[in-house]
């Protein structure tokens, strides 16, 4: 297992290989180890593999780098999750540019049934902090809940601290390697998080928190969640970038409304005004929209009897997503002329419903 993990890490470190091409290679050769044992001539026959990538795969340098990463991971008790690993966040796989490797240290299930990401300004006010305190206290009783944020100043660190206080598992997604905590002042909080939550990054050991890495980090915060909540944001900044990314992934976005004259409410008010976020006033808004009051597990067996082949395909797609009709048609390969009747029948059976923005979800 460790040997295969080494080859998976090596594959993830090959320049120019993303998750799609990595999966492609493994499907052709059976395993990451087999990829590295494939002669150059055979590699070049695999669609998408050119001379540069083939040479990089067969270079001893990439395996040396992988050995170093694996050694550091073992010393620091860090798990390196390859894209095909069962512990890799499944929701994140729905985005095209998902990281091929993730570095994770913690105890939380990255595939928890309920995952909420909370982001916001680094200059949080008492209004925002108090809302987080109230919100998470209301959500405390919900099982299988994971709260994700970015371990930054302001709203992020407030979120993590309130989660720790309420014993809610929380994961901080960082823009640097796991051999350091940034900001350094949050090191003690990160240590506590590891016991009942965790810290996560796509960056190799030794990576510094350079500016370009933060927007990249935000796609992970958005992509691994069921919904993104923006609590206080100016008219520009990382929180709004995360909201825009979530919208592009068809992930639900919530925003806390605020005083129109308050600088750090302008971003949230703008999201709501432009219909890019649902207005939130309490935890009930999240619970209702995401159907967290209803446990689907006890009805799954009944549903499989009720559903025909096309309905089952749609149901499986909507398990962890809220999707519009065109996206459902594309992902299910059910034609646009046929899928409206499939959705109507499922609505009549009481299996799905339509949300604001013409997105479908499971009841």
Protein backbone atom coordinates (compact mmCIF):
# COMPACT_ATOMS: atom_id res chain seq x y z
CA UNK A 1 0.00 0.00 0.00
CA UNK A 2 2.83 2.38 0.93
CA UNK A 3 4.63 1.51 -2.31
CA UNK A 4 1.54 2.28 -4.39
CA UNK A 5 1.08 5.54 -2.49
CA UNK A 6 4.66 6.46 -3.44
CA UNK A 7 3.90 6.00 -7.13
CA UNK A 8 0.62 7.91 -6.79
CA UNK A 9 2.48 10.82 -5.20
CA UNK A 10 5.07 10.66 -7.97
CA UNK A 11 2.34 10.75 -10.61
CA UNK A 12 0.84 13.78 -8.90
CA UNK A 13 4.21 15.53 -9.01
CA UNK A 14 4.74 15.04 -12.76
CA UNK A 15 4.56 18.51 -14.41
CA UNK A 16 1.59 18.91 -16.74
CA UNK A 17 -0.48 16.04 -15.32
CA UNK A 18 -3.87 16.95 -13.90
CA UNK A 19 -6.47 14.68 -12.36
CA UNK A 20 -8.10 13.83 -15.71
CA UNK A 21 -4.86 12.71 -17.36
CA UNK A 22 -3.77 10.85 -14.22
CA UNK A 23 -7.04 8.87 -14.17
CA UNK A 24 -6.60 8.28 -17.90
CA UNK A 25 -3.10 6.84 -17.39
CA UNK A 26 -4.19 4.59 -14.53
CA UNK A 27 -7.17 3.30 -16.52
CA UNK A 28 -4.76 2.35 -19.34
CA UNK A 29 -2.06 0.81 -17.15
CA UNK A 30 -4.05 -0.45 -14.14
CA UNK A 31 -2.13 1.34 -11.38
CA UNK A 32 0.21 4.25 -10.75
CA UNK A 33 3.09 1.80 -10.25
CA UNK A 34 2.45 0.26 -13.68
CA UNK A 35 2.50 3.73 -15.26
CA UNK A 36 6.09 4.24 -14.10
CA UNK A 37 7.10 0.80 -15.37
CA UNK A 38 5.75 1.45 -18.87
CA UNK A 39 8.29 1.88 -21.69
CA UNK A 40 8.39 5.29 -23.36
CA UNK A 41 7.08 3.92 -26.65
CA UNK A 42 3.93 2.57 -25.00
CA UNK A 43 3.43 5.76 -22.98
CA UNK A 44 3.49 7.82 -26.17
CA UNK A 45 0.69 5.69 -27.61
CA UNK A 46 -1.62 6.73 -24.77
CA UNK A 47 -3.83 9.69 -25.87
CA UNK A 48 -2.76 12.94 -24.23
CA UNK A 49 0.80 11.82 -23.46
CA UNK A 50 3.52 13.73 -25.32
CA UNK A 51 7.32 13.40 -25.19
CA UNK A 52 7.76 15.86 -22.28
CA UNK A 53 5.29 14.11 -19.99
CA UNK A 54 6.63 10.67 -20.96
CA UNK A 55 10.19 11.77 -20.17
CA UNK A 56 9.09 13.29 -16.86
CA UNK A 57 7.37 10.02 -15.88
CA UNK A 58 10.46 7.97 -16.70
CA UNK A 59 12.84 10.39 -14.99
CA UNK A 60 14.30 9.25 -11.66
CA UNK A 61 13.91 12.82 -10.38
CA UNK A 62 10.14 12.64 -9.91
CA UNK A 63 10.40 9.44 -7.84
CA UNK A 64 13.10 11.04 -5.66
CA UNK A 65 10.76 13.99 -5.01
CA UNK A 66 7.93 11.58 -4.17
CA UNK A 67 10.16 9.65 -1.74
CA UNK A 68 11.04 12.92 0.00
CA UNK A 69 7.36 13.95 0.24
CA UNK A 70 6.34 10.53 1.59
CA UNK A 71 9.17 10.56 4.15
CA UNK A 72 8.16 14.01 5.42
CA UNK A 73 4.50 12.96 5.50
CA UNK A 74 5.32 9.95 7.67
CA UNK A 75 7.47 12.06 10.03
CA UNK A 76 4.73 14.69 10.38
CA UNK A 77 1.83 12.17 10.49
CA UNK A 78 0.32 13.65 7.35
CA UNK A 79 -1.79 11.67 4.86
CA UNK A 80 -1.21 12.36 1.18
CA UNK A 81 -4.49 11.68 -0.61
CA UNK A 82 -4.34 10.79 -4.30
CA UNK A 83 -7.31 11.77 -6.48
CA UNK A 84 -8.61 8.19 -6.63
CA UNK A 85 -8.25 7.56 -2.88
CA UNK A 86 -11.55 6.68 -1.12
CA UNK A 87 -10.75 9.29 1.54
CA UNK A 88 -10.27 12.07 -1.02
CA UNK A 89 -13.22 14.55 -0.79
CA UNK A 90 -15.81 13.17 -3.22
CA UNK A 91 -17.55 16.52 -3.68
CA UNK A 92 -14.27 18.03 -4.83
CA UNK A 93 -14.13 15.51 -7.66
CA UNK A 94 -17.11 17.30 -9.24
CA UNK A 95 -14.86 20.22 -10.22
CA UNK A 96 -12.71 19.97 -13.32
CA UNK A 97 -9.54 21.44 -11.79
CA UNK A 98 -9.59 19.48 -8.52
CA UNK A 99 -6.08 18.91 -7.09
CA UNK A 100 -4.51 15.58 -7.94
CA UNK A 101 -2.93 15.42 -4.47
CA UNK A 102 -4.12 16.66 -1.09
CA UNK A 103 -2.08 16.78 2.11
CA UNK A 104 -4.24 16.17 5.17
CA UNK A 105 -3.65 15.96 8.90
CA UNK A 106 -6.62 15.36 11.13
CA UNK A 107 -9.44 13.13 12.27
CA UNK A 108 -12.48 14.55 10.44
CA UNK A 109 -14.23 12.71 7.62
CA UNK A 110 -13.67 14.79 4.48
CA UNK A 111 -16.77 13.08 3.06
CA UNK A 112 -19.10 13.96 5.94
CA UNK A 113 -22.80 13.93 5.05
CA UNK A 114 -23.09 17.68 5.71
CA UNK A 115 -20.30 20.10 4.82
CA UNK A 116 -20.62 23.86 5.18
CA UNK A 117 -17.86 26.31 4.26
CA UNK A 118 -17.81 29.68 6.01
CA UNK A 119 -15.71 32.58 4.71
CA UNK A 120 -15.53 36.33 5.19
CA UNK A 121 -13.47 39.42 5.80
CA UNK A 122 -10.25 39.43 7.80
CA UNK A 123 -11.59 42.48 9.63
CA UNK A 124 -14.63 40.87 11.21
CA UNK A 125 -16.96 42.99 13.34
CA UNK A 126 -18.89 41.92 16.41
CA UNK A 127 -21.96 41.62 14.17
CA UNK A 128 -20.32 38.91 12.08
CA UNK A 129 -18.73 37.13 15.03
CA UNK A 130 -21.99 37.05 16.96
CA UNK A 131 -23.82 35.62 13.96
CA UNK A 132 -21.29 32.80 13.63
CA UNK A 133 -21.65 32.05 17.33
CA UNK A 134 -25.43 31.87 17.01
CA UNK A 135 -25.42 29.92 13.74
CA UNK A 136 -23.02 27.19 14.86
CA UNK A 137 -24.77 26.81 18.19
CA UNK A 138 -27.98 26.09 16.24
CA UNK A 139 -26.18 23.60 13.97
CA UNK A 140 -24.35 21.87 16.82
CA UNK A 141 -26.95 19.13 17.19
CA UNK A 142 -26.84 18.07 13.54
CA UNK A 143 -24.88 14.82 13.12
CA UNK A 144 -22.19 14.30 10.50
CA UNK A 145 -21.54 18.03 10.13
CA UNK A 146 -18.15 19.36 9.01
CA UNK A 147 -17.38 23.08 8.85
CA UNK A 148 -14.63 24.28 6.50
CA UNK A 149 -12.81 27.62 6.42
CA UNK A 150 -9.40 29.05 5.57
CA UNK A 151 -7.66 29.56 8.95
CA UNK A 152 -7.17 33.26 8.09
CA UNK A 153 -7.74 36.25 10.37
CA UNK A 154 -11.25 37.49 11.02
CA UNK A 155 -14.26 35.37 10.04
CA UNK A 156 -12.17 32.25 9.30
CA UNK A 157 -10.46 31.92 12.66
CA UNK A 158 -13.66 32.93 14.47
CA UNK A 159 -15.43 30.06 12.69
CA UNK A 160 -12.77 27.53 13.70
CA UNK A 161 -12.75 28.70 17.32
CA UNK A 162 -16.54 28.56 17.66
CA UNK A 163 -16.52 25.06 16.14
CA UNK A 164 -13.95 23.92 18.70
CA UNK A 165 -16.04 25.45 21.46
CA UNK A 166 -19.14 23.58 20.25
CA UNK A 167 -17.27 20.35 19.42
CA UNK A 168 -18.08 20.61 15.71
CA UNK A 169 -15.39 19.07 13.47
CA UNK A 170 -13.70 21.84 11.46
CA UNK A 171 -11.08 21.77 8.70
CA UNK A 172 -8.81 24.65 7.72
CA UNK A 173 -7.73 24.75 4.07
CA UNK A 174 -4.33 26.41 3.77
CA UNK A 175 -2.40 28.09 0.95
CA UNK A 176 0.96 26.67 2.06
CA UNK A 177 2.59 23.37 3.00
CA UNK A 178 1.52 21.51 6.13
CA UNK A 179 4.97 21.90 7.68
CA UNK A 180 3.94 25.39 8.79
CA UNK A 181 0.79 27.23 9.91
CA UNK A 182 -0.03 30.60 8.39
CA UNK A 183 -0.76 32.95 10.07
CA UNK A 184 1.66 31.74 12.76
CA UNK A 185 -0.61 33.19 15.47
CA UNK A 186 -3.16 30.48 14.65
CA UNK A 187 -0.75 27.61 15.30
CA UNK A 188 -2.34 26.62 18.63
CA UNK A 189 -5.84 26.68 17.15
CA UNK A 190 -4.64 24.46 14.28
CA UNK A 191 -3.23 21.95 16.80
CA UNK A 192 -6.61 21.73 18.51
CA UNK A 193 -8.38 21.37 15.16
CA UNK A 194 -6.29 18.33 14.23
CA UNK A 195 -7.78 16.39 17.17
CA UNK A 196 -11.41 16.70 15.99
CA UNK A 197 -11.09 18.25 12.56
CA UNK A 198 -7.99 18.88 10.52
CA UNK A 199 -5.82 21.00 8.27
CA UNK A 200 -5.69 20.47 4.52
CA UNK A 201 -3.72 21.76 1.53
CA UNK A 202 -2.76 20.89 -2.03
CA UNK A 203 0.70 22.42 -1.56
CA UNK A 204 3.88 20.41 -1.05
CA UNK A 205 5.94 20.60 2.12
CA UNK A 206 8.00 23.78 2.13
CA UNK A 207 5.49 25.75 0.04
CA UNK A 208 5.13 29.37 1.18
CA UNK A 209 1.76 31.17 1.30
CA UNK A 210 2.34 33.23 -1.86
CA UNK A 211 -0.50 35.49 -3.07
CA UNK A 212 -1.55 33.36 -6.11
CA UNK A 213 -2.08 30.34 -3.88
CA UNK A 214 -4.99 31.91 -1.98
CA UNK A 215 -7.49 32.04 -4.90
CA UNK A 216 -6.44 28.47 -5.73
CA UNK A 217 -7.07 27.50 -2.10
CA UNK A 218 -10.54 29.04 -2.33
CA UNK A 219 -11.65 26.58 -5.01
CA UNK A 220 -11.01 23.75 -2.53
CA UNK A 221 -13.01 25.49 0.20
CA UNK A 222 -15.91 25.88 -2.23
CA UNK A 223 -15.59 22.56 -4.04
CA UNK A 224 -15.57 20.26 -1.02
CA UNK A 225 -18.75 21.71 0.50
CA UNK A 226 -22.52 21.52 0.08
CA UNK A 227 -22.81 25.29 0.52
CA UNK A 228 -20.68 28.37 1.07
CA UNK A 229 -21.69 31.01 3.60
CA UNK A 230 -20.22 34.50 3.29
CA UNK A 231 -20.28 36.34 6.62
CA UNK A 232 -19.20 39.95 6.11
CA UNK A 233 -17.22 40.98 3.04
CA UNK A 234 -16.16 44.21 1.41
CA UNK A 235 -16.93 44.82 -2.27
CA UNK A 236 -13.86 42.83 -3.28
CA UNK A 237 -11.65 40.20 -1.70
CA UNK A 238 -11.13 36.49 -1.14
CA UNK A 239 -14.59 35.80 0.30
CA UNK A 240 -16.30 37.10 -2.84
CA UNK A 241 -13.88 35.12 -5.00
CA UNK A 242 -14.91 31.98 -3.10
CA UNK A 243 -18.59 32.87 -3.63
CA UNK A 244 -18.03 33.36 -7.37
CA UNK A 245 -16.20 30.04 -7.58
CA UNK A 246 -19.03 28.29 -5.72
CA UNK A 247 -21.57 29.78 -8.12
CA UNK A 248 -19.55 28.52 -11.08
CA UNK A 249 -19.63 25.02 -9.53
CA UNK A 250 -23.43 25.19 -8.94
CA UNK A 251 -22.83 25.07 -5.19
CA UNK A 252 -25.31 26.96 -3.03
CA UNK A 253 -24.14 30.31 -1.64
CA UNK A 254 -25.55 32.12 1.40
CA UNK A 255 -24.74 35.66 2.49
CA UNK A 256 -25.44 37.52 5.71
CA UNK A 257 -27.18 40.86 4.97
CA UNK A 258 -26.00 43.95 6.81
CA UNK A 259 -26.16 47.72 7.19
CA UNK A 260 -25.93 49.35 3.75
CA UNK A 261 -23.44 51.86 5.18
CA UNK A 262 -21.21 49.19 6.73
CA UNK A 263 -18.11 48.53 4.60
CA UNK A 264 -17.95 44.83 5.42
CA UNK A 265 -21.60 44.23 4.58
CA UNK A 266 -21.38 45.70 1.09
CA UNK A 267 -20.04 42.52 -0.48
CA UNK A 268 -22.75 40.34 1.09
CA UNK A 269 -25.51 42.79 0.18
CA UNK A 270 -24.21 42.86 -3.39
CA UNK A 271 -24.27 39.05 -3.66
CA UNK A 272 -27.88 39.00 -2.46
CA UNK A 273 -28.91 41.89 -4.70
CA UNK A 274 -27.41 40.21 -7.79
CA UNK A 275 -29.09 36.87 -6.89
CA UNK A 276 -25.71 35.21 -6.43
CA UNK A 277 -26.48 34.22 -2.84
CA UNK A 278 -29.45 33.32 -0.67
CA UNK A 279 -30.05 35.75 2.18
CA UNK A 280 -29.51 34.09 5.54
CA UNK A 281 -30.88 35.22 8.89
CA UNK A 282 -30.58 31.99 10.87
CA UNK A 283 -29.47 28.36 10.62
CA UNK A 284 -33.01 27.44 9.53
CA UNK A 285 -32.31 28.93 6.09
CA UNK A 286 -29.45 26.48 5.54
CA UNK A 287 -31.30 23.56 7.09
CA UNK A 288 -34.36 24.09 4.90
CA UNK A 289 -32.56 24.68 1.60
CA UNK A 290 -30.14 21.78 2.04
CA UNK A 291 -32.82 19.45 3.47
CA UNK A 292 -30.72 18.68 6.54
CA UNK A 293 -33.84 17.84 8.53
CA UNK A 294 -34.52 14.81 6.39
CA UNK A 295 -32.30 11.74 6.51
CA UNK A 296 -32.35 9.99 3.14
CA UNK A 297 -30.66 6.82 4.31
CA UNK A 298 -33.86 5.15 5.54
CA UNK A 299 -35.68 5.79 2.26
CA UNK A 300 -32.94 4.83 -0.20
CA UNK A 301 -34.12 1.23 -0.56
CA UNK A 302 -37.68 2.32 -1.23
CA UNK A 303 -36.52 4.86 -3.79
CA UNK A 304 -34.59 2.30 -5.82
CA UNK A 305 -37.85 0.34 -6.24
CA UNK A 306 -39.75 3.45 -7.31
CA UNK A 307 -37.19 4.70 -9.84
CA UNK A 308 -36.72 3.67 -13.44
CA UNK A 309 -33.26 3.70 -15.03
CA UNK A 310 -33.21 7.39 -16.02
CA UNK A 311 -34.71 8.48 -12.70
CA UNK A 312 -32.04 6.53 -10.81
CA UNK A 313 -29.30 8.27 -12.82
CA UNK A 314 -30.77 11.69 -11.99
CA UNK A 315 -31.24 10.73 -8.33
CA UNK A 316 -27.58 9.67 -8.02
CA UNK A 317 -26.45 12.97 -9.57
CA UNK A 318 -28.54 14.97 -7.11
CA UNK A 319 -27.35 13.13 -3.99
CA UNK A 320 -24.61 15.67 -3.31
CA UNK A 321 -25.47 18.40 -5.82
CA UNK A 322 -28.12 20.95 -6.70
CA UNK A 323 -28.19 21.12 -10.50
CA UNK A 324 -30.04 22.95 -13.26
CA UNK A 325 -31.73 21.06 -16.06
CA UNK A 326 -29.02 21.65 -18.67
CA UNK A 327 -26.30 20.41 -16.30
CA UNK A 328 -28.41 17.36 -15.42
CA UNK A 329 -28.89 16.60 -19.10
CA UNK A 330 -25.15 16.90 -19.77
CA UNK A 331 -24.04 14.76 -16.81
CA UNK A 332 -26.75 12.11 -17.21
CA UNK A 333 -26.53 11.95 -21.01
CA UNK A 334 -30.32 12.15 -21.08
CA UNK A 335 -31.39 14.40 -23.96
CA UNK A 336 -32.88 17.86 -23.33
CA UNK A 337 -36.06 16.70 -25.05
CA UNK A 338 -36.44 13.77 -22.64
CA UNK A 339 -35.19 15.04 -19.26
CA UNK A 340 -38.09 17.46 -18.49
CA UNK A 341 -40.51 14.52 -18.36
CA UNK A 342 -38.09 12.56 -16.16
CA UNK A 343 -37.85 15.48 -13.71
CA UNK A 344 -41.62 16.05 -13.75
CA UNK A 345 -42.29 12.40 -12.91
CA UNK A 346 -39.78 12.55 -10.05
CA UNK A 347 -41.44 15.73 -8.73
CA UNK A 348 -44.85 14.03 -8.84
CA UNK A 349 -43.43 11.09 -6.90
CA UNK A 350 -42.21 13.52 -4.24
CA UNK A 351 -38.55 12.64 -4.75
CA UNK A 352 -37.15 15.98 -5.91
CA UNK A 353 -38.09 19.64 -5.83
CA UNK A 354 -37.10 22.83 -7.64
CA UNK A 355 -35.09 25.44 -5.76
CA UNK A 356 -34.68 29.17 -6.51
CA UNK A 357 -32.56 29.56 -9.64
CA UNK A 358 -34.27 26.55 -11.25
CA UNK A 359 -31.96 24.05 -9.53
CA UNK A 360 -33.20 20.61 -8.59
CA UNK A 361 -32.51 18.82 -5.31
CA UNK A 362 -33.59 15.67 -3.49
CA UNK A 363 -36.43 16.11 -1.01
